Amino acid sequence: MNQSLDARLLGRHFIIDQTNEQGTISFFGIFYHFVANEPLTLGDEVVITAVTTEHLRVTKAESLLKF
């Protein structure tokens, strides 16, 4: 398994709450800045869809559901 920690965050879900609504989240003791493709509100479930050197890109989980 030769995968960076950041790449392993892809697909991880989390909920937007008061501790991370300003655009930062902590995984494994490391703080990351995240940005979204659309406006987020408290209670939204998001998925990490991309990792860059500057930030994590998140998308609302409901936007990824395809039926």
N, C-alpha and C. Protein backbone atom coordinates (compact mmCIF):
# COMPACT_ATOMS: atom_id res chain seq x y z
N MET A 1 0.85 -1.18 0.00
CA MET A 1 0.00 0.00 0.00
C MET A 1 0.89 1.24 0.00
N ASN A 2 0.98 1.88 -1.12
CA ASN A 2 1.84 3.04 -1.27
C ASN A 2 0.99 4.25 -1.59
N GLN A 3 0.20 4.67 -0.63
CA GLN A 3 -0.75 5.75 -0.84
C GLN A 3 -0.56 6.79 0.24
N SER A 4 -0.56 8.06 -0.12
CA SER A 4 -0.38 9.11 0.89
C SER A 4 -1.62 9.23 1.76
N LEU A 5 -1.41 9.79 2.94
CA LEU A 5 -2.52 10.01 3.86
C LEU A 5 -3.60 10.86 3.22
N ASP A 6 -3.18 11.93 2.53
CA ASP A 6 -4.15 12.82 1.90
C ASP A 6 -5.01 12.09 0.88
N ALA A 7 -4.41 11.22 0.07
CA ALA A 7 -5.17 10.47 -0.94
C ALA A 7 -6.16 9.52 -0.28
N ARG A 8 -5.82 9.02 0.90
CA ARG A 8 -6.74 8.11 1.59
C ARG A 8 -7.97 8.84 2.13
N LEU A 9 -7.96 10.16 2.12
CA LEU A 9 -9.13 10.92 2.56
C LEU A 9 -10.23 10.94 1.50
N LEU A 10 -9.89 10.64 0.25
CA LEU A 10 -10.89 10.64 -0.82
C LEU A 10 -12.03 9.71 -0.47
N GLY A 11 -13.25 10.20 -0.62
CA GLY A 11 -14.42 9.39 -0.33
C GLY A 11 -14.89 9.46 1.11
N ARG A 12 -14.11 10.10 1.98
CA ARG A 12 -14.50 10.20 3.39
C ARG A 12 -15.67 11.18 3.52
N HIS A 13 -16.65 10.81 4.31
CA HIS A 13 -17.83 11.64 4.56
C HIS A 13 -17.67 12.35 5.90
N PHE A 14 -18.21 13.56 5.99
CA PHE A 14 -18.34 14.23 7.28
C PHE A 14 -19.50 15.22 7.21
N ILE A 15 -19.97 15.62 8.38
CA ILE A 15 -21.12 16.52 8.49
C ILE A 15 -20.61 17.93 8.79
N ILE A 16 -21.19 18.92 8.12
CA ILE A 16 -20.85 20.31 8.41
C ILE A 16 -21.53 20.68 9.73
N ASP A 17 -20.71 21.07 10.71
CA ASP A 17 -21.25 21.48 12.01
C ASP A 17 -20.54 22.75 12.46
N GLN A 18 -20.79 23.17 13.69
CA GLN A 18 -20.23 24.44 14.17
C GLN A 18 -18.71 24.42 14.27
N THR A 19 -18.12 23.24 14.40
CA THR A 19 -16.66 23.18 14.53
C THR A 19 -15.94 23.28 13.19
N ASN A 20 -16.63 23.03 12.09
CA ASN A 20 -15.94 23.05 10.79
C ASN A 20 -16.62 23.93 9.74
N GLU A 21 -17.62 24.70 10.14
CA GLU A 21 -18.35 25.48 9.13
C GLU A 21 -17.51 26.59 8.51
N GLN A 22 -16.38 26.94 9.12
CA GLN A 22 -15.51 27.97 8.57
C GLN A 22 -14.53 27.44 7.53
N GLY A 23 -14.58 26.13 7.26
CA GLY A 23 -13.76 25.58 6.19
C GLY A 23 -12.51 24.86 6.62
N THR A 24 -12.44 24.43 7.88
CA THR A 24 -11.32 23.61 8.32
C THR A 24 -11.84 22.35 8.99
N ILE A 25 -11.11 21.27 8.81
CA ILE A 25 -11.48 19.97 9.40
C ILE A 25 -10.19 19.26 9.79
N SER A 26 -10.27 18.45 10.82
CA SER A 26 -9.09 17.73 11.29
C SER A 26 -9.30 16.23 11.11
N PHE A 27 -8.33 15.58 10.48
CA PHE A 27 -8.30 14.12 10.36
C PHE A 27 -6.94 13.65 10.83
N PHE A 28 -6.93 12.68 11.72
CA PHE A 28 -5.68 12.09 12.21
C PHE A 28 -4.73 13.14 12.79
N GLY A 29 -5.30 14.18 13.42
CA GLY A 29 -4.50 15.22 14.04
C GLY A 29 -3.95 16.27 13.09
N ILE A 30 -4.33 16.21 11.83
CA ILE A 30 -3.86 17.17 10.82
C ILE A 30 -5.04 18.03 10.41
N PHE A 31 -4.85 19.35 10.42
CA PHE A 31 -5.91 20.26 10.01
C PHE A 31 -5.82 20.52 8.51
N TYR A 32 -6.98 20.48 7.86
CA TYR A 32 -7.07 20.71 6.41
C TYR A 32 -8.07 21.83 6.16
N HIS A 33 -7.82 22.60 5.12
CA HIS A 33 -8.78 23.59 4.64
C HIS A 33 -9.60 22.90 3.56
N PHE A 34 -10.92 23.12 3.56
CA PHE A 34 -11.74 22.53 2.50
C PHE A 34 -12.59 23.60 1.84
N VAL A 35 -12.90 23.37 0.58
CA VAL A 35 -13.78 24.25 -0.19
C VAL A 35 -14.83 23.39 -0.88
N ALA A 36 -15.98 24.00 -1.14
CA ALA A 36 -17.10 23.27 -1.74
C ALA A 36 -17.46 23.88 -3.09
N ASN A 37 -18.08 23.07 -3.93
CA ASN A 37 -18.54 23.52 -5.24
C ASN A 37 -19.82 24.33 -5.14
N GLU A 38 -20.50 24.23 -4.00
CA GLU A 38 -21.78 24.90 -3.81
C GLU A 38 -21.87 25.35 -2.36
N PRO A 39 -22.78 26.26 -2.04
CA PRO A 39 -22.91 26.72 -0.65
C PRO A 39 -23.30 25.57 0.29
N LEU A 40 -22.71 25.57 1.48
CA LEU A 40 -22.99 24.54 2.48
C LEU A 40 -23.66 25.18 3.68
N THR A 41 -24.51 24.40 4.34
CA THR A 41 -25.15 24.86 5.57
C THR A 41 -24.94 23.82 6.66
N LEU A 42 -25.18 24.22 7.89
CA LEU A 42 -25.04 23.29 9.01
C LEU A 42 -25.90 22.06 8.77
N GLY A 43 -25.35 20.90 9.03
CA GLY A 43 -26.08 19.65 8.86
C GLY A 43 -25.87 18.96 7.53
N ASP A 44 -25.26 19.65 6.56
CA ASP A 44 -25.00 19.02 5.26
C ASP A 44 -23.97 17.91 5.42
N GLU A 45 -24.21 16.78 4.76
CA GLU A 45 -23.22 15.72 4.69
C GLU A 45 -22.42 15.93 3.42
N VAL A 46 -21.09 15.94 3.55
CA VAL A 46 -20.23 16.16 2.39
C VAL A 46 -19.25 15.00 2.23
N VAL A 47 -18.73 14.88 1.02
CA VAL A 47 -17.76 13.84 0.67
C VAL A 47 -16.52 14.53 0.10
N ILE A 48 -15.36 14.08 0.50
CA ILE A 48 -14.12 14.61 -0.07
C ILE A 48 -13.94 13.99 -1.45
N THR A 49 -13.93 14.85 -2.47
CA THR A 49 -13.87 14.37 -3.85
C THR A 49 -12.55 14.67 -4.54
N ALA A 50 -11.73 15.54 -3.94
CA ALA A 50 -10.42 15.84 -4.52
C ALA A 50 -9.48 16.34 -3.43
N VAL A 51 -8.20 16.08 -3.63
CA VAL A 51 -7.16 16.53 -2.71
C VAL A 51 -6.13 17.31 -3.51
N THR A 52 -5.86 18.55 -3.10
CA THR A 52 -4.81 19.34 -3.73
C THR A 52 -3.81 19.74 -2.65
N THR A 53 -2.74 20.39 -3.05
CA THR A 53 -1.76 20.85 -2.06
C THR A 53 -2.29 22.00 -1.23
N GLU A 54 -3.34 22.67 -1.71
CA GLU A 54 -3.89 23.82 -1.01
C GLU A 54 -5.12 23.51 -0.17
N HIS A 55 -5.94 22.55 -0.59
CA HIS A 55 -7.19 22.29 0.12
C HIS A 55 -7.79 20.94 -0.29
N LEU A 56 -8.82 20.58 0.45
CA LEU A 56 -9.66 19.43 0.08
C LEU A 56 -10.88 19.99 -0.64
N ARG A 57 -11.31 19.34 -1.69
CA ARG A 57 -12.53 19.73 -2.40
C ARG A 57 -13.63 18.81 -1.92
N VAL A 58 -14.74 19.39 -1.45
CA VAL A 58 -15.86 18.59 -0.96
C VAL A 58 -17.11 18.86 -1.80
N THR A 59 -17.97 17.86 -1.85
CA THR A 59 -19.23 17.93 -2.57
C THR A 59 -20.32 17.39 -1.66
N LYS A 60 -21.50 18.00 -1.72
CA LYS A 60 -22.61 17.48 -0.92
C LYS A 60 -22.86 16.02 -1.31
N ALA A 61 -23.06 15.18 -0.31
CA ALA A 61 -23.26 13.75 -0.56
C ALA A 61 -24.50 13.53 -1.42
N GLU A 62 -25.54 14.30 -1.20
CA GLU A 62 -26.77 14.11 -1.98
C GLU A 62 -26.56 14.43 -3.45
N SER A 63 -25.59 15.28 -3.77
CA SER A 63 -25.30 15.60 -5.17
C SER A 63 -24.64 14.45 -5.90
N LEU A 64 -24.00 13.55 -5.14
CA LEU A 64 -23.31 12.42 -5.75
C LEU A 64 -24.21 11.22 -5.99
N LEU A 65 -25.40 11.24 -5.40
CA LEU A 65 -26.32 10.11 -5.56
C LEU A 65 -26.91 10.11 -6.96
N LYS A 66 -26.74 9.02 -7.65
CA LYS A 66 -27.29 8.87 -9.00
C LYS A 66 -28.20 7.64 -9.01
N PHE A 67 -29.43 7.84 -9.37
CA PHE A 67 -30.38 6.73 -9.41
C PHE A 67 -30.75 6.42 -10.84
